[in-house]
Amino acid sequence: MGITIQEASRKSGLSAHTLRYYERIGLIHEVDRGSNGHRSYAAPDLDWLDFLNKLRATGMPIADMCRYAELRRQGPETSGERRRMLEAHRERVRAQIAQLTEDLTVLDYKIDFYNALEHG
């Protein structure tokens, strides 16, 4: 027995509109439906939504996420390509973290500068 779109929305942090959009563009498979015709999300669906949230949070474009989802649906023979996609994305994330760390150092310097001015 699955959960409703409202419950999936609450658990995933994604709006019901976003969940329907993700289904429409192929990011998530066509979700099973109950006898009443309403979507019924299972635990593996929620795990997949959690992974998609992490990809989005780290800046992966929707088009790349769709490509990854399509490869996933094709099965284990695409595991190498999926791994390479994630490795490339990881490198972009690491570069972004390095840039943010550098930017944070500049902010810390400026804050220290103003603290020294204010407290002589």
PDB file of N, CA and C in Angstrom:
ATOM      1  N   MET A   1       0.846  -1.184   0.000  1.00  0.00           N
ATOM      2  CA  MET A   1       0.000   0.000   0.000  1.00  0.00           C
ATOM      3  C   MET A   1       0.882   1.235   0.000  1.00  0.00           C
ATOM      4  N   GLY A   2       0.674   2.115  -0.958  1.00  0.00           N
ATOM      5  CA  GLY A   2       1.487   3.310  -1.092  1.00  0.00           C
ATOM      6  C   GLY A   2       0.890   4.497  -0.369  1.00  0.00           C
ATOM      7  N   ILE A   3       1.508   5.645  -0.599  1.00  0.00           N
ATOM      8  CA  ILE A   3       1.036   6.884   0.020  1.00  0.00           C
ATOM      9  C   ILE A   3       0.539   7.831  -1.075  1.00  0.00           C
ATOM     10  N   THR A   4      -0.271   8.776  -0.678  1.00  0.00           N
ATOM     11  CA  THR A   4      -0.863   9.727  -1.620  1.00  0.00           C
ATOM     12  C   THR A   4       0.167  10.740  -2.101  1.00  0.00           C
ATOM     13  N   ILE A   5      -0.196  11.474  -3.120  1.00  0.00           N
ATOM     14  CA  ILE A   5       0.699  12.509  -3.640  1.00  0.00           C
ATOM     15  C   ILE A   5       0.943  13.589  -2.585  1.00  0.00           C
ATOM     16  N   GLN A   6      -0.070  13.882  -1.765  1.00  0.00           N
ATOM     17  CA  GLN A   6       0.111  14.883  -0.711  1.00  0.00           C
ATOM     18  C   GLN A   6       1.132  14.409   0.322  1.00  0.00           C
ATOM     19  N   GLU A   7       1.048  13.126   0.686  1.00  0.00           N
ATOM     20  CA  GLU A   7       2.020  12.580   1.639  1.00  0.00           C
ATOM     21  C   GLU A   7       3.413  12.522   1.013  1.00  0.00           C
ATOM     22  N   ALA A   8       3.480  12.126  -0.251  1.00  0.00           N
ATOM     23  CA  ALA A   8       4.776  12.090  -0.947  1.00  0.00           C
ATOM     24  C   ALA A   8       5.356  13.489  -1.044  1.00  0.00           C
ATOM     25  N   SER A   9       4.496  14.468  -1.258  1.00  0.00           N
ATOM     26  CA  SER A   9       4.934  15.853  -1.320  1.00  0.00           C
ATOM     27  C   SER A   9       5.531  16.287   0.018  1.00  0.00           C
ATOM     28  N   ARG A  10       4.820  15.978   1.079  1.00  0.00           N
ATOM     29  CA  ARG A  10       5.293  16.350   2.415  1.00  0.00           C
ATOM     30  C   ARG A  10       6.621  15.664   2.743  1.00  0.00           C
ATOM     31  N   LYS A  11       6.721  14.373   2.440  1.00  0.00           N
ATOM     32  CA  LYS A  11       7.936  13.622   2.772  1.00  0.00           C
ATOM     33  C   LYS A  11       9.121  14.027   1.909  1.00  0.00           C
ATOM     34  N   SER A  12       8.864  14.357   0.648  1.00  0.00           N
ATOM     35  CA  SER A  12       9.964  14.671  -0.268  1.00  0.00           C
ATOM     36  C   SER A  12      10.341  16.147  -0.262  1.00  0.00           C
ATOM     37  N   GLY A  13       9.427  16.990   0.199  1.00  0.00           N
ATOM     38  CA  GLY A  13       9.670  18.431   0.144  1.00  0.00           C
ATOM     39  C   GLY A  13       9.371  19.025  -1.227  1.00  0.00           C
ATOM     40  N   LEU A  14       8.847  18.215  -2.122  1.00  0.00           N
ATOM     41  CA  LEU A  14       8.488  18.672  -3.467  1.00  0.00           C
ATOM     42  C   LEU A  14       6.982  18.894  -3.521  1.00  0.00           C
ATOM     43  N   SER A  15       6.558  19.915  -4.224  1.00  0.00           N
ATOM     44  CA  SER A  15       5.122  20.162  -4.333  1.00  0.00           C
ATOM     45  C   SER A  15       4.456  19.070  -5.166  1.00  0.00           C
ATOM     46  N   ALA A  16       3.155  18.923  -4.995  1.00  0.00           N
ATOM     47  CA  ALA A  16       2.403  17.958  -5.802  1.00  0.00           C
ATOM     48  C   ALA A  16       2.539  18.319  -7.280  1.00  0.00           C
ATOM     49  N   HIS A  17       2.549  19.606  -7.574  1.00  0.00           N
ATOM     50  CA  HIS A  17       2.728  20.054  -8.962  1.00  0.00           C
ATOM     51  C   HIS A  17       4.075  19.569  -9.507  1.00  0.00           C
ATOM     52  N   THR A  18       5.136  19.704  -8.705  1.00  0.00           N
ATOM     53  CA  THR A  18       6.465  19.256  -9.131  1.00  0.00           C
ATOM     54  C   THR A  18       6.492  17.748  -9.327  1.00  0.00           C
ATOM     55  N   LEU A  19       5.842  17.010  -8.447  1.00  0.00           N
ATOM     56  CA  LEU A  19       5.796  15.553  -8.598  1.00  0.00           C
ATOM     57  C   LEU A  19       5.105  15.166  -9.903  1.00  0.00           C
ATOM     58  N   ARG A  20       4.001  15.830 -10.218  1.00  0.00           N
ATOM     59  CA  ARG A  20       3.312  15.535 -11.481  1.00  0.00           C
ATOM     60  C   ARG A  20       4.183  15.933 -12.666  1.00  0.00           C
ATOM     61  N   TYR A  21       4.878  17.069 -12.551  1.00  0.00           N
ATOM     62  CA  TYR A  21       5.785  17.531 -13.611  1.00  0.00           C
ATOM     63  C   TYR A  21       6.916  16.516 -13.814  1.00  0.00           C
ATOM     64  N   TYR A  22       7.536  16.063 -12.730  1.00  0.00           N
ATOM     65  CA  TYR A  22       8.613  15.076 -12.829  1.00  0.00           C
ATOM     66  C   TYR A  22       8.128  13.805 -13.527  1.00  0.00           C
ATOM     67  N   GLU A  23       6.897  13.407 -13.239  1.00  0.00           N
ATOM     68  CA  GLU A  23       6.337  12.225 -13.890  1.00  0.00           C
ATOM     69  C   GLU A  23       6.129  12.502 -15.384  1.00  0.00           C
ATOM     70  N   ARG A  24       5.608  13.681 -15.696  1.00  0.00           N
ATOM     71  CA  ARG A  24       5.332  14.031 -17.090  1.00  0.00           C
ATOM     72  C   ARG A  24       6.601  14.070 -17.944  1.00  0.00           C
ATOM     73  N   ILE A  25       7.711  14.569 -17.383  1.00  0.00           N
ATOM     74  CA  ILE A  25       8.948  14.684 -18.169  1.00  0.00           C
ATOM     75  C   ILE A  25       9.831  13.444 -18.074  1.00  0.00           C
ATOM     76  N   GLY A  26       9.390  12.444 -17.308  1.00  0.00           N
ATOM     77  CA  GLY A  26      10.126  11.189 -17.252  1.00  0.00           C
ATOM     78  C   GLY A  26      11.180  11.093 -16.167  1.00  0.00           C
ATOM     79  N   LEU A  27      11.218  12.061 -15.256  1.00  0.00           N
ATOM     80  CA  LEU A  27      12.178  11.957 -14.153  1.00  0.00           C
ATOM     81  C   LEU A  27      11.786  10.846 -13.190  1.00  0.00           C
ATOM     82  N   ILE A  28      10.498  10.668 -13.025  1.00  0.00           N
ATOM     83  CA  ILE A  28      10.019   9.523 -12.264  1.00  0.00           C
ATOM     84  C   ILE A  28       9.101   8.721 -13.185  1.00  0.00           C
ATOM     85  N   HIS A  29       9.056   7.427 -12.937  1.00  0.00           N
ATOM     86  CA  HIS A  29       8.220   6.557 -13.761  1.00  0.00           C
ATOM     87  C   HIS A  29       6.755   6.909 -13.543  1.00  0.00           C
ATOM     88  N   GLU A  30       5.912   6.425 -14.394  1.00  0.00           N
ATOM     89  CA  GLU A  30       4.482   6.620 -14.186  1.00  0.00           C
ATOM     90  C   GLU A  30       4.121   5.929 -12.875  1.00  0.00           C
ATOM     91  N   VAL A  31       3.684   6.713 -11.924  1.00  0.00           N
ATOM     92  CA  VAL A  31       3.419   6.213 -10.579  1.00  0.00           C
ATOM     93  C   VAL A  31       2.170   5.339 -10.602  1.00  0.00           C
ATOM     94  N   ASP A  32       2.244   4.249  -9.833  1.00  0.00           N
ATOM     95  CA  ASP A  32       1.079   3.357  -9.716  1.00  0.00           C
ATOM     96  C   ASP A  32      -0.115   4.150  -9.213  1.00  0.00           C
ATOM     97  N   ARG A  33      -1.277   3.633  -9.533  1.00  0.00           N
ATOM     98  CA  ARG A  33      -2.509   4.282  -9.084  1.00  0.00           C
ATOM     99  C   ARG A  33      -3.368   3.280  -8.326  1.00  0.00           C
ATOM    100  N   GLY A  34      -4.028   3.794  -7.322  1.00  0.00           N
ATOM    101  CA  GLY A  34      -4.931   2.968  -6.546  1.00  0.00           C
ATOM    102  C   GLY A  34      -6.230   2.743  -7.301  1.00  0.00           C
ATOM    103  N   SER A  35      -7.125   1.990  -6.692  1.00  0.00           N
ATOM    104  CA  SER A  35      -8.412   1.690  -7.329  1.00  0.00           C
ATOM    105  C   SER A  35      -9.235   2.952  -7.552  1.00  0.00           C
ATOM    106  N   ASN A  36      -8.934   4.001  -6.785  1.00  0.00           N
ATOM    107  CA  ASN A  36      -9.637   5.276  -6.946  1.00  0.00           C
ATOM    108  C   ASN A  36      -9.019   6.145  -8.042  1.00  0.00           C
ATOM    109  N   GLY A  37      -7.934   5.660  -8.659  1.00  0.00           N
ATOM    110  CA  GLY A  37      -7.277   6.400  -9.727  1.00  0.00           C
ATOM    111  C   GLY A  37      -6.221   7.388  -9.252  1.00  0.00           C
ATOM    112  N   HIS A  38      -6.060   7.519  -7.947  1.00  0.00           N
ATOM    113  CA  HIS A  38      -5.078   8.457  -7.391  1.00  0.00           C
ATOM    114  C   HIS A  38      -3.692   7.816  -7.364  1.00  0.00           C
ATOM    115  N   ARG A  39      -2.683   8.653  -7.536  1.00  0.00           N
ATOM    116  CA  ARG A  39      -1.312   8.168  -7.482  1.00  0.00           C
ATOM    117  C   ARG A  39      -1.017   7.540  -6.125  1.00  0.00           C
ATOM    118  N   SER A  40      -0.190   6.504  -6.158  1.00  0.00           N
ATOM    119  CA  SER A  40       0.182   5.788  -4.950  1.00  0.00           C
ATOM    120  C   SER A  40       1.696   5.578  -4.965  1.00  0.00           C
ATOM    121  N   TYR A  41       2.402   6.346  -4.137  1.00  0.00           N
ATOM    122  CA  TYR A  41       3.860   6.310  -4.099  1.00  0.00           C
ATOM    123  C   TYR A  41       4.333   5.254  -3.101  1.00  0.00           C
ATOM    124  N   ALA A  42       5.320   4.469  -3.513  1.00  0.00           N
ATOM    125  CA  ALA A  42       5.908   3.426  -2.662  1.00  0.00           C
ATOM    126  C   ALA A  42       7.258   3.914  -2.119  1.00  0.00           C
ATOM    127  N   ALA A  43       7.805   3.172  -1.175  1.00  0.00           N
ATOM    128  CA  ALA A  43       9.092   3.535  -0.557  1.00  0.00           C
ATOM    129  C   ALA A  43      10.199   3.744  -1.592  1.00  0.00           C
ATOM    130  N   PRO A  44      10.347   2.872  -2.608  1.00  0.00           N
ATOM    131  CA  PRO A  44      11.395   3.126  -3.602  1.00  0.00           C
ATOM    132  C   PRO A  44      11.191   4.445  -4.369  1.00  0.00           C
ATOM    133  N   ASP A  45       9.934   4.846  -4.548  1.00  0.00           N
ATOM    134  CA  ASP A  45       9.659   6.137  -5.196  1.00  0.00           C
ATOM    135  C   ASP A  45      10.202   7.278  -4.339  1.00  0.00           C
ATOM    136  N   LEU A  46       9.990   7.176  -3.039  1.00  0.00           N
ATOM    137  CA  LEU A  46      10.473   8.220  -2.128  1.00  0.00           C
ATOM    138  C   LEU A  46      11.999   8.252  -2.093  1.00  0.00           C
ATOM    139  N   ASP A  47      12.628   7.089  -2.146  1.00  0.00           N
ATOM    140  CA  ASP A  47      14.097   7.035  -2.191  1.00  0.00           C
ATOM    141  C   ASP A  47      14.603   7.724  -3.451  1.00  0.00           C
ATOM    142  N   TRP A  48      13.949   7.468  -4.571  1.00  0.00           N
ATOM    143  CA  TRP A  48      14.342   8.081  -5.842  1.00  0.00           C
ATOM    144  C   TRP A  48      14.138   9.593  -5.773  1.00  0.00           C
ATOM    145  N   LEU A  49      13.035  10.046  -5.190  1.00  0.00           N
ATOM    146  CA  LEU A  49      12.789  11.481  -5.051  1.00  0.00           C
ATOM    147  C   LEU A  49      13.860  12.133  -4.187  1.00  0.00           C
ATOM    148  N   ASP A  50      14.296  11.436  -3.143  1.00  0.00           N
ATOM    149  CA  ASP A  50      15.361  11.952  -2.282  1.00  0.00           C
ATOM    150  C   ASP A  50      16.653  12.128  -3.088  1.00  0.00           C
ATOM    151  N   PHE A  51      16.963  11.141  -3.932  1.00  0.00           N
ATOM    152  CA  PHE A  51      18.159  11.235  -4.768  1.00  0.00           C
ATOM    153  C   PHE A  51      18.025  12.395  -5.762  1.00  0.00           C
ATOM    154  N   LEU A  52      16.851  12.529  -6.373  1.00  0.00           N
ATOM    155  CA  LEU A  52      16.634  13.646  -7.300  1.00  0.00           C
ATOM    156  C   LEU A  52      16.796  14.985  -6.591  1.00  0.00           C
ATOM    157  N   ASN A  53      16.325  15.075  -5.365  1.00  0.00           N
ATOM    158  CA  ASN A  53      16.496  16.310  -4.581  1.00  0.00           C
ATOM    159  C   ASN A  53      17.971  16.628  -4.383  1.00  0.00           C
ATOM    160  N   LYS A  54      18.765  15.601  -4.145  1.00  0.00           N
ATOM    161  CA  LYS A  54      20.200  15.816  -3.951  1.00  0.00           C
ATOM    162  C   LYS A  54      20.869  16.271  -5.251  1.00  0.00           C
ATOM    163  N   LEU A  55      20.445  15.685  -6.359  1.00  0.00           N
ATOM    164  CA  LEU A  55      20.996  16.116  -7.642  1.00  0.00           C
ATOM    165  C   LEU A  55      20.648  17.580  -7.907  1.00  0.00           C
ATOM    166  N   ARG A  56      19.404  17.967  -7.654  1.00  0.00           N
ATOM    167  CA  ARG A  56      18.988  19.356  -7.865  1.00  0.00           C
ATOM    168  C   ARG A  56      19.734  20.292  -6.921  1.00  0.00           C
ATOM    169  N   ALA A  57      19.844  19.894  -5.657  1.00  0.00           N
ATOM    170  CA  ALA A  57      20.510  20.742  -4.662  1.00  0.00           C
ATOM    171  C   ALA A  57      21.968  20.984  -5.024  1.00  0.00           C
ATOM    172  N   THR A  58      22.570  20.042  -5.730  1.00  0.00           N
ATOM    173  CA  THR A  58      23.970  20.192  -6.128  1.00  0.00           C
ATOM    174  C   THR A  58      24.104  20.771  -7.534  1.00  0.00           C
ATOM    175  N   GLY A  59      22.982  21.206  -8.107  1.00  0.00           N
ATOM    176  CA  GLY A  59      23.044  21.949  -9.352  1.00  0.00           C
ATOM    177  C   GLY A  59      22.980  21.152 -10.639  1.00  0.00           C
ATOM    178  N   MET A  60      22.592  19.883 -10.576  1.00  0.00           N
ATOM    179  CA  MET A  60      22.498  19.130 -11.827  1.00  0.00           C
ATOM    180  C   MET A  60      21.311  19.650 -12.632  1.00  0.00           C
ATOM    181  N   PRO A  61      21.531  19.955 -13.908  1.00  0.00           N
ATOM    182  CA  PRO A  61      20.428  20.424 -14.747  1.00  0.00           C
ATOM    183  C   PRO A  61      19.358  19.340 -14.932  1.00  0.00           C
ATOM    184  N   ILE A  62      18.120  19.775 -15.082  1.00  0.00           N
ATOM    185  CA  ILE A  62      16.996  18.847 -15.282  1.00  0.00           C
ATOM    186  C   ILE A  62      17.260  17.928 -16.473  1.00  0.00           C
ATOM    187  N   ALA A  63      17.823  18.467 -17.551  1.00  0.00           N
ATOM    188  CA  ALA A  63      18.085  17.642 -18.742  1.00  0.00           C
ATOM    189  C   ALA A  63      19.019  16.483 -18.403  1.00  0.00           C
ATOM    190  N   ASP A  64      20.051  16.742 -17.598  1.00  0.00           N
ATOM    191  CA  ASP A  64      20.968  15.677 -17.189  1.00  0.00           C
ATOM    192  C   ASP A  64      20.272  14.679 -16.272  1.00  0.00           C
ATOM    193  N   MET A  65      19.415  15.192 -15.398  1.00  0.00           N
ATOM    194  CA  MET A  65      18.667  14.308 -14.518  1.00  0.00           C
ATOM    195  C   MET A  65      17.746  13.399 -15.338  1.00  0.00           C
ATOM    196  N   CYS A  66      17.123  13.957 -16.363  1.00  0.00           N
ATOM    197  CA  CYS A  66      16.254  13.149 -17.240  1.00  0.00           C
ATOM    198  C   CYS A  66      17.066  12.082 -17.963  1.00  0.00           C
ATOM    199  N   ARG A  67      18.254  12.444 -18.431  1.00  0.00           N
ATOM    200  CA  ARG A  67      19.118  11.471 -19.099  1.00  0.00           C
ATOM    201  C   ARG A  67      19.489  10.349 -18.133  1.00  0.00           C
ATOM    202  N   TYR A  68      19.854  10.703 -16.916  1.00  0.00           N
ATOM    203  CA  TYR A  68      20.199   9.713 -15.906  1.00  0.00           C
ATOM    204  C   TYR A  68      19.007   8.795 -15.636  1.00  0.00           C
ATOM    205  N   ALA A  69      17.807   9.377 -15.488  1.00  0.00           N
ATOM    206  CA  ALA A  69      16.604   8.587 -15.224  1.00  0.00           C
ATOM    207  C   ALA A  69      16.329   7.620 -16.373  1.00  0.00           C
ATOM    208  N   GLU A  70      16.522   8.084 -17.603  1.00  0.00           N
ATOM    209  CA  GLU A  70      16.300   7.217 -18.765  1.00  0.00           C
ATOM    210  C   GLU A  70      17.294   6.055 -18.757  1.00  0.00           C
ATOM    211  N   LEU A  71      18.552   6.344 -18.466  1.00  0.00           N
ATOM    212  CA  LEU A  71      19.559   5.286 -18.393  1.00  0.00           C
ATOM    213  C   LEU A  71      19.212   4.286 -17.292  1.00  0.00           C
ATOM    214  N   ARG A  72      18.741   4.798 -16.180  1.00  0.00           N
ATOM    215  CA  ARG A  72      18.360   3.932 -15.054  1.00  0.00           C
ATOM    216  C   ARG A  72      17.248   2.966 -15.471  1.00  0.00           C
ATOM    217  N   ARG A  73      16.277   3.478 -16.211  1.00  0.00           N
ATOM    218  CA  ARG A  73      15.182   2.625 -16.677  1.00  0.00           C
ATOM    219  C   ARG A  73      15.667   1.545 -17.643  1.00  0.00           C
ATOM    220  N   GLN A  74      16.772   1.822 -18.342  1.00  0.00           N
ATOM    221  CA  GLN A  74      17.296   0.852 -19.305  1.00  0.00           C
ATOM    222  C   GLN A  74      17.978  -0.337 -18.632  1.00  0.00           C
ATOM    223  N   GLY A  75      18.319  -0.193 -17.369  1.00  0.00           N
ATOM    224  CA  GLY A  75      18.841  -1.334 -16.625  1.00  0.00           C
ATOM    225  C   GLY A  75      20.331  -1.299 -16.367  1.00  0.00           C
ATOM    226  N   PRO A  76      20.841  -2.403 -15.811  1.00  0.00           N
ATOM    227  CA  PRO A  76      22.226  -2.481 -15.346  1.00  0.00           C
ATOM    228  C   PRO A  76      23.270  -2.265 -16.436  1.00  0.00           C
ATOM    229  N   GLU A  77      22.922  -2.526 -17.690  1.00  0.00           N
ATOM    230  CA  GLU A  77      23.923  -2.352 -18.745  1.00  0.00           C
ATOM    231  C   GLU A  77      24.329  -0.886 -18.928  1.00  0.00           C
ATOM    232  N   THR A  78      23.586   0.042 -18.314  1.00  0.00           N
ATOM    233  CA  THR A  78      23.935   1.468 -18.419  1.00  0.00           C
ATOM    234  C   THR A  78      24.664   1.971 -17.178  1.00  0.00           C
ATOM    235  N   SER A  79      25.028   1.073 -16.286  1.00  0.00           N
ATOM    236  CA  SER A  79      25.633   1.506 -15.022  1.00  0.00           C
ATOM    237  C   SER A  79      26.922   2.291 -15.234  1.00  0.00           C
ATOM    238  N   GLY A  80      27.720   1.905 -16.210  1.00  0.00           N
ATOM    239  CA  GLY A  80      28.966   2.636 -16.467  1.00  0.00           C
ATOM    240  C   GLY A  80      28.715   4.068 -16.886  1.00  0.00           C
ATOM    241  N   GLU A  81      27.750   4.264 -17.754  1.00  0.00           N
ATOM    242  CA  GLU A  81      27.434   5.624 -18.200  1.00  0.00           C
ATOM    243  C   GLU A  81      26.850   6.452 -17.053  1.00  0.00           C
ATOM    244  N   ARG A  82      26.024   5.830 -16.234  1.00  0.00           N
ATOM    245  CA  ARG A  82      25.468   6.541 -15.074  1.00  0.00           C
ATOM    246  C   ARG A  82      26.575   6.925 -14.098  1.00  0.00           C
ATOM    247  N   ARG A  83      27.506   5.999 -13.872  1.00  0.00           N
ATOM    248  CA  ARG A  83      28.641   6.301 -12.979  1.00  0.00           C
ATOM    249  C   ARG A  83      29.436   7.473 -13.529  1.00  0.00           C
ATOM    250  N   ARG A  84      29.710   7.458 -14.841  1.00  0.00           N
ATOM    251  CA  ARG A  84      30.482   8.558 -15.441  1.00  0.00           C
ATOM    252  C   ARG A  84      29.743   9.898 -15.316  1.00  0.00           C
ATOM    253  N   MET A  85      28.438   9.855 -15.491  1.00  0.00           N
ATOM    254  CA  MET A  85      27.652  11.082 -15.311  1.00  0.00           C
ATOM    255  C   MET A  85      27.794  11.618 -13.891  1.00  0.00           C
ATOM    256  N   LEU A  86      27.698  10.723 -12.912  1.00  0.00           N
ATOM    257  CA  LEU A  86      27.802  11.143 -11.512  1.00  0.00           C
ATOM    258  C   LEU A  86      29.218  11.615 -11.174  1.00  0.00           C
ATOM    259  N   GLU A  87      30.220  10.969 -11.753  1.00  0.00           N
ATOM    260  CA  GLU A  87      31.605  11.411 -11.517  1.00  0.00           C
ATOM    261  C   GLU A  87      31.820  12.821 -12.078  1.00  0.00           C
ATOM    262  N   ALA A  88      31.314  13.075 -13.264  1.00  0.00           N
ATOM    263  CA  ALA A  88      31.457  14.407 -13.867  1.00  0.00           C
ATOM    264  C   ALA A  88      30.717  15.441 -13.024  1.00  0.00           C
ATOM    265  N   HIS A  89      29.542  15.084 -12.556  1.00  0.00           N
ATOM    266  CA  HIS A  89      28.775  16.003 -11.712  1.00  0.00           C
ATOM    267  C   HIS A  89      29.505  16.248 -10.392  1.00  0.00           C
ATOM    268  N   ARG A  90      30.080  15.182  -9.826  1.00  0.00           N
ATOM    269  CA  ARG A  90      30.835  15.330  -8.581  1.00  0.00           C
ATOM    270  C   ARG A  90      31.971  16.327  -8.750  1.00  0.00           C
ATOM    271  N   GLU A  91      32.657  16.283  -9.887  1.00  0.00           N
ATOM    272  CA  GLU A  91      33.752  17.228 -10.134  1.00  0.00           C
ATOM    273  C   GLU A  91      33.239  18.665 -10.206  1.00  0.00           C
ATOM    274  N   ARG A  92      32.080  18.861 -10.819  1.00  0.00           N
ATOM    275  CA  ARG A  92      31.485  20.209 -10.864  1.00  0.00           C
ATOM    276  C   ARG A  92      31.118  20.678  -9.459  1.00  0.00           C
ATOM    277  N   VAL A  93      30.600  19.758  -8.647  1.00  0.00           N
ATOM    278  CA  VAL A  93      30.237  20.106  -7.268  1.00  0.00           C
ATOM    279  C   VAL A  93      31.496  20.456  -6.476  1.00  0.00           C
ATOM    280  N   ARG A  94      32.544  19.677  -6.646  1.00  0.00           N
ATOM    281  CA  ARG A  94      33.801  19.972  -5.933  1.00  0.00           C
ATOM    282  C   ARG A  94      34.361  21.321  -6.338  1.00  0.00           C
ATOM    283  N   ALA A  95      34.281  21.652  -7.617  1.00  0.00           N
ATOM    284  CA  ALA A  95      34.760  22.961  -8.085  1.00  0.00           C
ATOM    285  C   ALA A  95      33.921  24.078  -7.473  1.00  0.00           C
ATOM    286  N   GLN A  96      32.620  23.855  -7.389  1.00  0.00           N
ATOM    287  CA  GLN A  96      31.734  24.853  -6.790  1.00  0.00           C
ATOM    288  C   GLN A  96      32.056  25.030  -5.303  1.00  0.00           C
ATOM    289  N   ILE A  97      32.302  23.922  -4.609  1.00  0.00           N
ATOM    290  CA  ILE A  97      32.659  24.003  -3.192  1.00  0.00           C
ATOM    291  C   ILE A  97      33.972  24.771  -3.024  1.00  0.00           C
ATOM    292  N   ALA A  98      34.943  24.500  -3.871  1.00  0.00           N
ATOM    293  CA  ALA A  98      36.233  25.205  -3.794  1.00  0.00           C
ATOM    294  C   ALA A  98      36.027  26.702  -4.006  1.00  0.00           C
ATOM    295  N   GLN A  99      35.199  27.065  -4.985  1.00  0.00           N
ATOM    296  CA  GLN A  99      34.935  28.482  -5.241  1.00  0.00           C
ATOM    297  C   GLN A  99      34.217  29.121  -4.061  1.00  0.00           C
ATOM    298  N   LEU A 100      33.244  28.422  -3.500  1.00  0.00           N
ATOM    299  CA  LEU A 100      32.533  28.948  -2.336  1.00  0.00           C
ATOM    300  C   LEU A 100      33.461  29.094  -1.135  1.00  0.00           C
ATOM    301  N   THR A 101      34.377  28.159  -0.963  1.00  0.00           N
ATOM    302  CA  THR A 101      35.340  28.254   0.132  1.00  0.00           C
ATOM    303  C   THR A 101      36.229  29.480  -0.040  1.00  0.00           C
ATOM    304  N   GLU A 102      36.663  29.714  -1.259  1.00  0.00           N
ATOM    305  CA  GLU A 102      37.469  30.901  -1.558  1.00  0.00           C
ATOM    306  C   GLU A 102      36.666  32.173  -1.300  1.00  0.00           C
ATOM    307  N   ASP A 103      35.418  32.191  -1.730  1.00  0.00           N
ATOM    308  CA  ASP A 103      34.563  33.356  -1.512  1.00  0.00           C
ATOM    309  C   ASP A 103      34.328  33.597  -0.024  1.00  0.00           C
ATOM    310  N   LEU A 104      34.158  32.521   0.729  1.00  0.00           N
ATOM    311  CA  LEU A 104      33.955  32.636   2.167  1.00  0.00           C
ATOM    312  C   LEU A 104      35.191  33.228   2.847  1.00  0.00           C
ATOM    313  N   THR A 105      36.361  32.869   2.381  1.00  0.00           N
ATOM    314  CA  THR A 105      37.600  33.430   2.930  1.00  0.00           C
ATOM    315  C   THR A 105      37.635  34.945   2.749  1.00  0.00           C
ATOM    316  N   VAL A 106      37.204  35.414   1.594  1.00  0.00           N
ATOM    317  CA  VAL A 106      37.160  36.860   1.340  1.00  0.00           C
ATOM    318  C   VAL A 106      36.146  37.526   2.267  1.00  0.00           C
ATOM    319  N   LEU A 107      34.980  36.909   2.435  1.00  0.00           N
ATOM    320  CA  LEU A 107      33.982  37.468   3.346  1.00  0.00           C
ATOM    321  C   LEU A 107      34.509  37.527   4.773  1.00  0.00           C
ATOM    322  N   ASP A 108      35.155  36.462   5.217  1.00  0.00           N
ATOM    323  CA  ASP A 108      35.737  36.445   6.568  1.00  0.00           C
ATOM    324  C   ASP A 108      36.761  37.557   6.721  1.00  0.00           C
ATOM    325  N   TYR A 109      37.600  37.775   5.711  1.00  0.00           N
ATOM    326  CA  TYR A 109      38.603  38.840   5.750  1.00  0.00           C
ATOM    327  C   TYR A 109      37.919  40.201   5.914  1.00  0.00           C
ATOM    328  N   LYS A 110      36.886  40.447   5.121  1.00  0.00           N
ATOM    329  CA  LYS A 110      36.180  41.730   5.181  1.00  0.00           C
ATOM    330  C   LYS A 110      35.500  41.920   6.532  1.00  0.00           C
ATOM    331  N   ILE A 111      34.893  40.876   7.072  1.00  0.00           N
ATOM    332  CA  ILE A 111      34.252  40.976   8.380  1.00  0.00           C
ATOM    333  C   ILE A 111      35.286  41.292   9.448  1.00  0.00           C
ATOM    334  N   ASP A 112      36.424  40.627   9.402  1.00  0.00           N
ATOM    335  CA  ASP A 112      37.506  40.891  10.357  1.00  0.00           C
ATOM    336  C   ASP A 112      38.001  42.328  10.205  1.00  0.00           C
ATOM    337  N   PHE A 113      38.102  42.809   8.988  1.00  0.00           N
ATOM    338  CA  PHE A 113      38.532  44.178   8.711  1.00  0.00           C
ATOM    339  C   PHE A 113      37.594  45.173   9.381  1.00  0.00           C
ATOM    340  N   TYR A 114      36.286  44.974   9.178  1.00  0.00           N
ATOM    341  CA  TYR A 114      35.306  45.909   9.768  1.00  0.00           C
ATOM    342  C   TYR A 114      35.253  45.786  11.285  1.00  0.00           C
ATOM    343  N   ASN A 115      35.418  44.579  11.805  1.00  0.00           N
ATOM    344  CA  ASN A 115      35.476  44.417  13.258  1.00  0.00           C
ATOM    345  C   ASN A 115      36.659  45.181  13.835  1.00  0.00           C
ATOM    346  N   ALA A 116      37.793  45.127  13.163  1.00  0.00           N
ATOM    347  CA  ALA A 116      38.980  45.843  13.630  1.00  0.00           C
ATOM    348  C   ALA A 116      38.754  47.352  13.564  1.00  0.00           C
ATOM    349  N   LEU A 117      38.091  47.840  12.537  1.00  0.00           N
ATOM    350  CA  LEU A 117      37.784  49.280  12.442  1.00  0.00           C
ATOM    351  C   LEU A 117      36.856  49.723  13.572  1.00  0.00           C
ATOM    352  N   GLU A 118      35.852  48.920  13.854  1.00  0.00           N
ATOM    353  CA  GLU A 118      34.852  49.286  14.846  1.00  0.00           C
ATOM    354  C   GLU A 118      35.388  49.189  16.277  1.00  0.00           C
ATOM    355  N   HIS A 119      36.303  48.267  16.493  1.00  0.00           N
ATOM    356  CA  HIS A 119      36.767  48.042  17.865  1.00  0.00           C
ATOM    357  C   HIS A 119      38.217  48.449  18.081  1.00  0.00           C
ATOM    358  N   GLY A 120      38.738  49.170  17.112  1.00  0.00           N
ATOM    359  CA  GLY A 120      40.026  49.772  17.150  1.00  0.00           C
ATOM    360  C   GLY A 120      41.154  48.981  17.581  1.00  0.00           C
TER     361      GLY A 120
END
